[in-house]
N, C-alpha and C. Protein backbone atom coordinates (compact mmCIF):
# COMPACT_ATOMS: atom_id res chain seq x y z
N MET A 1 88.57 -5.97 42.42
CA MET A 1 89.98 -5.94 42.76
C MET A 1 90.12 -6.12 44.27
N GLU A 2 91.08 -6.87 44.68
CA GLU A 2 91.40 -7.03 46.10
C GLU A 2 92.36 -5.91 46.49
N TYR A 3 92.15 -5.34 47.67
CA TYR A 3 93.02 -4.29 48.18
C TYR A 3 93.65 -4.73 49.49
N ARG A 4 94.88 -4.31 49.72
CA ARG A 4 95.61 -4.67 50.94
C ARG A 4 96.14 -3.40 51.59
N HIS A 5 96.26 -3.46 52.92
CA HIS A 5 96.81 -2.32 53.64
C HIS A 5 98.31 -2.22 53.42
N LEU A 6 98.78 -1.02 53.22
CA LEU A 6 100.21 -0.76 53.04
C LEU A 6 100.80 -0.50 54.43
N GLY A 7 101.31 -1.54 55.04
CA GLY A 7 101.86 -1.42 56.39
C GLY A 7 100.81 -0.88 57.34
N ARG A 8 101.23 0.07 58.17
CA ARG A 8 100.32 0.70 59.13
C ARG A 8 99.88 2.09 58.68
N SER A 9 100.06 2.38 57.40
CA SER A 9 99.76 3.72 56.89
C SER A 9 98.27 4.00 56.77
N GLY A 10 97.46 2.95 56.73
CA GLY A 10 96.03 3.14 56.50
C GLY A 10 95.67 3.19 55.02
N ILE A 11 96.69 3.24 54.17
CA ILE A 11 96.47 3.29 52.73
C ILE A 11 96.20 1.88 52.22
N ARG A 12 95.23 1.78 51.32
CA ARG A 12 94.92 0.49 50.71
C ARG A 12 95.38 0.51 49.26
N VAL A 13 96.17 -0.50 48.90
CA VAL A 13 96.69 -0.61 47.54
C VAL A 13 96.12 -1.86 46.88
N SER A 14 95.96 -1.79 45.59
CA SER A 14 95.46 -2.95 44.85
C SER A 14 96.47 -4.09 44.96
N ALA A 15 95.96 -5.31 45.00
CA ALA A 15 96.82 -6.49 45.09
C ALA A 15 97.71 -6.60 43.86
N LEU A 16 97.26 -6.07 42.75
CA LEU A 16 98.05 -6.04 41.53
C LEU A 16 98.47 -4.60 41.26
N SER A 17 99.66 -4.45 40.72
CA SER A 17 100.09 -3.12 40.30
C SER A 17 100.49 -3.18 38.83
N LEU A 18 100.64 -2.02 38.24
CA LEU A 18 101.14 -1.96 36.87
C LEU A 18 102.53 -1.34 36.93
N GLY A 19 103.50 -2.09 36.47
CA GLY A 19 104.87 -1.61 36.43
C GLY A 19 105.27 -1.23 35.02
N SER A 20 106.36 -0.51 34.91
CA SER A 20 106.78 0.00 33.61
C SER A 20 108.17 -0.46 33.22
N TRP A 21 108.66 -1.49 33.84
CA TRP A 21 110.06 -1.87 33.74
C TRP A 21 110.62 -1.89 32.32
N VAL A 22 110.26 -2.87 31.52
CA VAL A 22 110.86 -2.97 30.19
C VAL A 22 109.95 -2.43 29.09
N THR A 23 108.88 -1.78 29.48
CA THR A 23 107.92 -1.37 28.46
C THR A 23 107.95 0.12 28.16
N PHE A 24 107.70 0.96 29.16
CA PHE A 24 107.56 2.39 28.89
C PHE A 24 108.86 2.95 28.32
N HIS A 25 108.77 3.56 27.21
CA HIS A 25 109.82 4.18 26.41
C HIS A 25 110.51 3.16 25.51
N ASN A 26 111.02 2.05 26.06
CA ASN A 26 111.76 1.09 25.24
C ASN A 26 110.87 0.33 24.27
N GLN A 27 109.65 -0.01 24.70
CA GLN A 27 108.78 -0.80 23.84
C GLN A 27 107.46 -0.11 23.51
N VAL A 28 106.99 0.75 24.38
CA VAL A 28 105.73 1.46 24.11
C VAL A 28 105.90 2.94 24.39
N GLY A 29 105.18 3.72 23.63
CA GLY A 29 105.21 5.16 23.81
C GLY A 29 104.04 5.65 24.64
N LEU A 30 103.82 6.92 24.59
CA LEU A 30 102.81 7.57 25.42
C LEU A 30 101.41 7.02 25.19
N ASP A 31 100.98 6.91 23.95
CA ASP A 31 99.60 6.49 23.69
C ASP A 31 99.31 5.09 24.23
N THR A 32 100.23 4.16 24.02
CA THR A 32 100.04 2.80 24.52
C THR A 32 100.12 2.76 26.04
N ALA A 33 101.01 3.56 26.62
CA ALA A 33 101.10 3.64 28.08
C ALA A 33 99.79 4.15 28.67
N VAL A 34 99.20 5.15 28.03
CA VAL A 34 97.91 5.68 28.49
C VAL A 34 96.84 4.59 28.43
N GLU A 35 96.82 3.84 27.35
CA GLU A 35 95.84 2.75 27.21
C GLU A 35 96.02 1.69 28.30
N ALA A 36 97.27 1.28 28.53
CA ALA A 36 97.54 0.25 29.54
C ALA A 36 97.18 0.72 30.94
N MET A 37 97.57 1.95 31.26
CA MET A 37 97.28 2.49 32.58
C MET A 37 95.78 2.66 32.78
N SER A 38 95.09 3.11 31.73
CA SER A 38 93.65 3.29 31.81
C SER A 38 92.93 1.96 32.02
N ALA A 39 93.34 0.92 31.29
CA ALA A 39 92.73 -0.40 31.45
C ALA A 39 92.96 -0.94 32.86
N ALA A 40 94.18 -0.76 33.38
CA ALA A 40 94.48 -1.22 34.73
C ALA A 40 93.65 -0.47 35.76
N TYR A 41 93.59 0.84 35.63
CA TYR A 41 92.83 1.68 36.56
C TYR A 41 91.35 1.33 36.54
N ASP A 42 90.81 1.11 35.34
CA ASP A 42 89.40 0.74 35.20
C ASP A 42 89.11 -0.61 35.85
N ALA A 43 90.15 -1.47 35.93
CA ALA A 43 90.00 -2.78 36.56
C ALA A 43 90.24 -2.72 38.08
N GLY A 44 90.53 -1.52 38.60
CA GLY A 44 90.70 -1.34 40.04
C GLY A 44 92.13 -1.17 40.51
N VAL A 45 93.10 -1.21 39.60
CA VAL A 45 94.50 -1.00 39.99
C VAL A 45 94.68 0.46 40.40
N ASN A 46 95.26 0.66 41.58
CA ASN A 46 95.52 2.03 42.04
C ASN A 46 97.00 2.23 42.37
N PHE A 47 97.84 1.25 42.02
CA PHE A 47 99.25 1.26 42.38
C PHE A 47 100.09 1.07 41.12
N PHE A 48 100.93 2.06 40.83
CA PHE A 48 101.75 2.06 39.63
C PHE A 48 103.22 2.16 40.03
N ASP A 49 104.03 1.27 39.48
CA ASP A 49 105.42 1.13 39.90
C ASP A 49 106.39 1.58 38.82
N ASN A 50 107.49 2.14 39.25
CA ASN A 50 108.52 2.64 38.36
C ASN A 50 109.87 2.55 39.07
N ALA A 51 110.92 3.00 38.40
CA ALA A 51 112.25 3.14 38.99
C ALA A 51 113.02 4.17 38.18
N GLU A 52 113.87 4.88 38.86
CA GLU A 52 114.62 5.94 38.17
C GLU A 52 115.46 5.38 37.03
N ILE A 53 115.94 4.17 37.16
CA ILE A 53 116.85 3.59 36.17
C ILE A 53 116.14 3.07 34.92
N TYR A 54 114.84 2.83 35.01
CA TYR A 54 114.11 2.28 33.86
C TYR A 54 114.23 3.24 32.68
N ALA A 55 114.81 2.75 31.61
CA ALA A 55 115.01 3.53 30.37
C ALA A 55 115.72 4.85 30.65
N GLY A 56 116.62 4.84 31.62
CA GLY A 56 117.39 6.04 31.93
C GLY A 56 116.53 7.21 32.39
N GLY A 57 115.43 6.93 33.07
CA GLY A 57 114.53 7.97 33.56
C GLY A 57 113.36 8.26 32.63
N LYS A 58 113.43 7.80 31.40
CA LYS A 58 112.36 8.07 30.42
C LYS A 58 111.06 7.37 30.79
N SER A 59 111.14 6.23 31.47
CA SER A 59 109.93 5.53 31.88
C SER A 59 109.11 6.39 32.83
N GLU A 60 109.78 7.05 33.77
CA GLU A 60 109.07 7.95 34.69
C GLU A 60 108.45 9.11 33.93
N GLU A 61 109.16 9.62 32.94
CA GLU A 61 108.62 10.73 32.16
C GLU A 61 107.35 10.31 31.42
N ILE A 62 107.35 9.12 30.83
CA ILE A 62 106.17 8.64 30.12
C ILE A 62 105.03 8.37 31.08
N MET A 63 105.33 7.79 32.25
CA MET A 63 104.27 7.55 33.23
C MET A 63 103.67 8.88 33.69
N GLY A 64 104.50 9.86 33.95
CA GLY A 64 104.01 11.17 34.37
C GLY A 64 103.16 11.83 33.30
N ALA A 65 103.62 11.75 32.04
CA ALA A 65 102.85 12.33 30.93
C ALA A 65 101.51 11.60 30.78
N SER A 66 101.53 10.29 30.98
CA SER A 66 100.30 9.51 30.90
C SER A 66 99.32 9.94 31.98
N LEU A 67 99.81 10.11 33.19
CA LEU A 67 98.95 10.53 34.30
C LEU A 67 98.34 11.90 34.04
N ARG A 68 99.13 12.81 33.49
CA ARG A 68 98.60 14.14 33.17
C ARG A 68 97.52 14.03 32.09
N LYS A 69 97.76 13.20 31.10
CA LYS A 69 96.79 13.03 30.01
C LYS A 69 95.51 12.37 30.53
N LEU A 70 95.63 11.43 31.46
CA LEU A 70 94.46 10.74 32.00
C LEU A 70 93.66 11.62 32.95
N GLY A 71 94.32 12.55 33.62
CA GLY A 71 93.62 13.52 34.46
C GLY A 71 92.97 12.95 35.71
N TRP A 72 93.47 11.85 36.22
CA TRP A 72 92.91 11.28 37.43
C TRP A 72 93.19 12.16 38.64
N ARG A 73 92.29 12.11 39.63
CA ARG A 73 92.55 12.81 40.89
C ARG A 73 93.81 12.21 41.53
N ARG A 74 94.69 13.05 42.01
CA ARG A 74 95.97 12.58 42.57
C ARG A 74 95.76 11.63 43.74
N GLY A 75 94.72 11.80 44.50
CA GLY A 75 94.48 10.94 45.64
C GLY A 75 93.95 9.56 45.29
N SER A 76 93.65 9.32 44.03
CA SER A 76 93.03 8.04 43.64
C SER A 76 94.04 6.98 43.22
N TYR A 77 95.33 7.29 43.22
CA TYR A 77 96.35 6.32 42.84
C TYR A 77 97.64 6.56 43.61
N LEU A 78 98.49 5.56 43.62
CA LEU A 78 99.80 5.65 44.27
C LEU A 78 100.88 5.33 43.25
N ILE A 79 102.01 6.00 43.40
CA ILE A 79 103.17 5.77 42.54
C ILE A 79 104.34 5.36 43.43
N SER A 80 105.05 4.32 43.02
CA SER A 80 106.29 3.99 43.70
C SER A 80 107.43 4.11 42.70
N THR A 81 108.55 4.53 43.18
CA THR A 81 109.77 4.59 42.37
C THR A 81 110.91 4.04 43.20
N LYS A 82 111.68 3.19 42.58
CA LYS A 82 112.82 2.60 43.27
C LYS A 82 114.08 3.40 42.99
N LEU A 83 114.87 3.58 44.02
CA LEU A 83 116.15 4.27 43.92
C LEU A 83 117.25 3.29 44.34
N PHE A 84 118.46 3.52 43.92
CA PHE A 84 119.65 2.80 44.33
C PHE A 84 120.66 2.80 43.20
N TRP A 85 120.23 2.33 42.01
CA TRP A 85 121.16 2.12 40.91
C TRP A 85 121.72 3.41 40.35
N GLY A 86 120.96 4.46 40.36
CA GLY A 86 121.43 5.77 39.93
C GLY A 86 121.48 5.97 38.43
N LEU A 87 121.44 7.22 38.04
CA LEU A 87 121.52 7.60 36.64
C LEU A 87 122.90 8.12 36.26
N ASN A 88 123.75 8.31 37.26
CA ASN A 88 125.10 8.83 37.03
C ASN A 88 126.11 7.89 37.66
N ASP A 89 127.36 8.01 37.26
CA ASP A 89 128.40 7.08 37.72
C ASP A 89 129.20 7.56 38.92
N SER A 90 128.86 8.65 39.52
CA SER A 90 129.60 9.18 40.67
C SER A 90 129.49 8.22 41.86
N VAL A 91 130.52 8.19 42.67
CA VAL A 91 130.57 7.29 43.82
C VAL A 91 129.39 7.50 44.78
N ASN A 92 128.88 8.71 44.87
CA ASN A 92 127.76 9.00 45.76
C ASN A 92 126.41 9.03 45.05
N GLU A 93 126.39 8.60 43.78
CA GLU A 93 125.15 8.64 43.00
C GLU A 93 124.80 7.31 42.35
N LYS A 94 125.54 6.27 42.61
CA LYS A 94 125.30 4.97 41.99
C LYS A 94 125.48 3.87 43.02
N ASN A 95 124.53 2.92 43.02
CA ASN A 95 124.58 1.79 43.95
C ASN A 95 124.72 2.25 45.40
N THR A 96 123.85 3.18 45.77
CA THR A 96 123.91 3.74 47.12
C THR A 96 122.53 4.18 47.57
N LEU A 97 122.39 4.26 48.87
CA LEU A 97 121.17 4.80 49.47
C LEU A 97 121.54 5.85 50.52
N ASN A 98 122.64 6.57 50.29
CA ASN A 98 123.01 7.60 51.26
C ASN A 98 121.96 8.70 51.27
N ARG A 99 121.89 9.40 52.38
CA ARG A 99 120.85 10.42 52.59
C ARG A 99 120.82 11.47 51.48
N LYS A 100 121.97 11.97 51.11
CA LYS A 100 122.06 12.99 50.06
C LYS A 100 121.48 12.46 48.75
N TYR A 101 121.88 11.25 48.40
CA TYR A 101 121.39 10.66 47.16
C TYR A 101 119.89 10.41 47.21
N LEU A 102 119.38 9.92 48.31
CA LEU A 102 117.95 9.67 48.42
C LEU A 102 117.14 10.94 48.22
N ILE A 103 117.55 12.02 48.86
CA ILE A 103 116.84 13.29 48.71
C ILE A 103 116.89 13.76 47.26
N GLU A 104 118.07 13.73 46.66
CA GLU A 104 118.21 14.16 45.27
C GLU A 104 117.49 13.20 44.31
N GLY A 105 117.53 11.90 44.61
CA GLY A 105 116.84 10.92 43.78
C GLY A 105 115.33 11.10 43.82
N ILE A 106 114.79 11.35 44.99
CA ILE A 106 113.35 11.58 45.13
C ILE A 106 112.95 12.84 44.37
N ASN A 107 113.72 13.90 44.53
CA ASN A 107 113.41 15.14 43.81
C ASN A 107 113.49 14.95 42.31
N GLY A 108 114.49 14.20 41.83
CA GLY A 108 114.63 13.93 40.40
C GLY A 108 113.46 13.12 39.88
N SER A 109 113.07 12.10 40.64
CA SER A 109 111.94 11.27 40.23
C SER A 109 110.66 12.08 40.17
N LEU A 110 110.41 12.90 41.18
CA LEU A 110 109.20 13.74 41.18
C LEU A 110 109.20 14.69 39.98
N ALA A 111 110.36 15.22 39.63
CA ALA A 111 110.46 16.11 38.46
C ALA A 111 110.15 15.35 37.18
N ARG A 112 110.74 14.14 37.02
CA ARG A 112 110.48 13.36 35.81
C ARG A 112 109.02 12.95 35.71
N LEU A 113 108.40 12.66 36.84
CA LEU A 113 106.97 12.31 36.86
C LEU A 113 106.07 13.53 36.71
N GLY A 114 106.65 14.72 36.84
CA GLY A 114 105.85 15.95 36.78
C GLY A 114 105.03 16.14 38.03
N MET A 115 105.53 15.64 39.15
CA MET A 115 104.80 15.72 40.42
C MET A 115 105.55 16.55 41.45
N ASP A 116 106.51 17.35 41.01
CA ASP A 116 107.25 18.16 41.97
C ASP A 116 106.44 19.37 42.32
């Protein structure tokens, strides 16, 4: 696997990542997600992508459950989650990146991933 530096952070991420956009929850459940993540990890993927809006937050829950089931060391992989679209329709919770929403969105994502 080829690895690239993530900006100036010193962190190296795999050139390929595994995302969960239209798959986790909507098309595959926990067992298949575990299989896909395990195959990717075994091939050198250390970067897994998600978003709060994917399957209304269920995608993050499945990814988090998969990670717990796989039992990998937390330092051996990276998770990204995208915020903006929101899970609620409030003016300060949808289509925004205001400070309040970002803090609450990050905390919500960490909770759904089981990483809080």
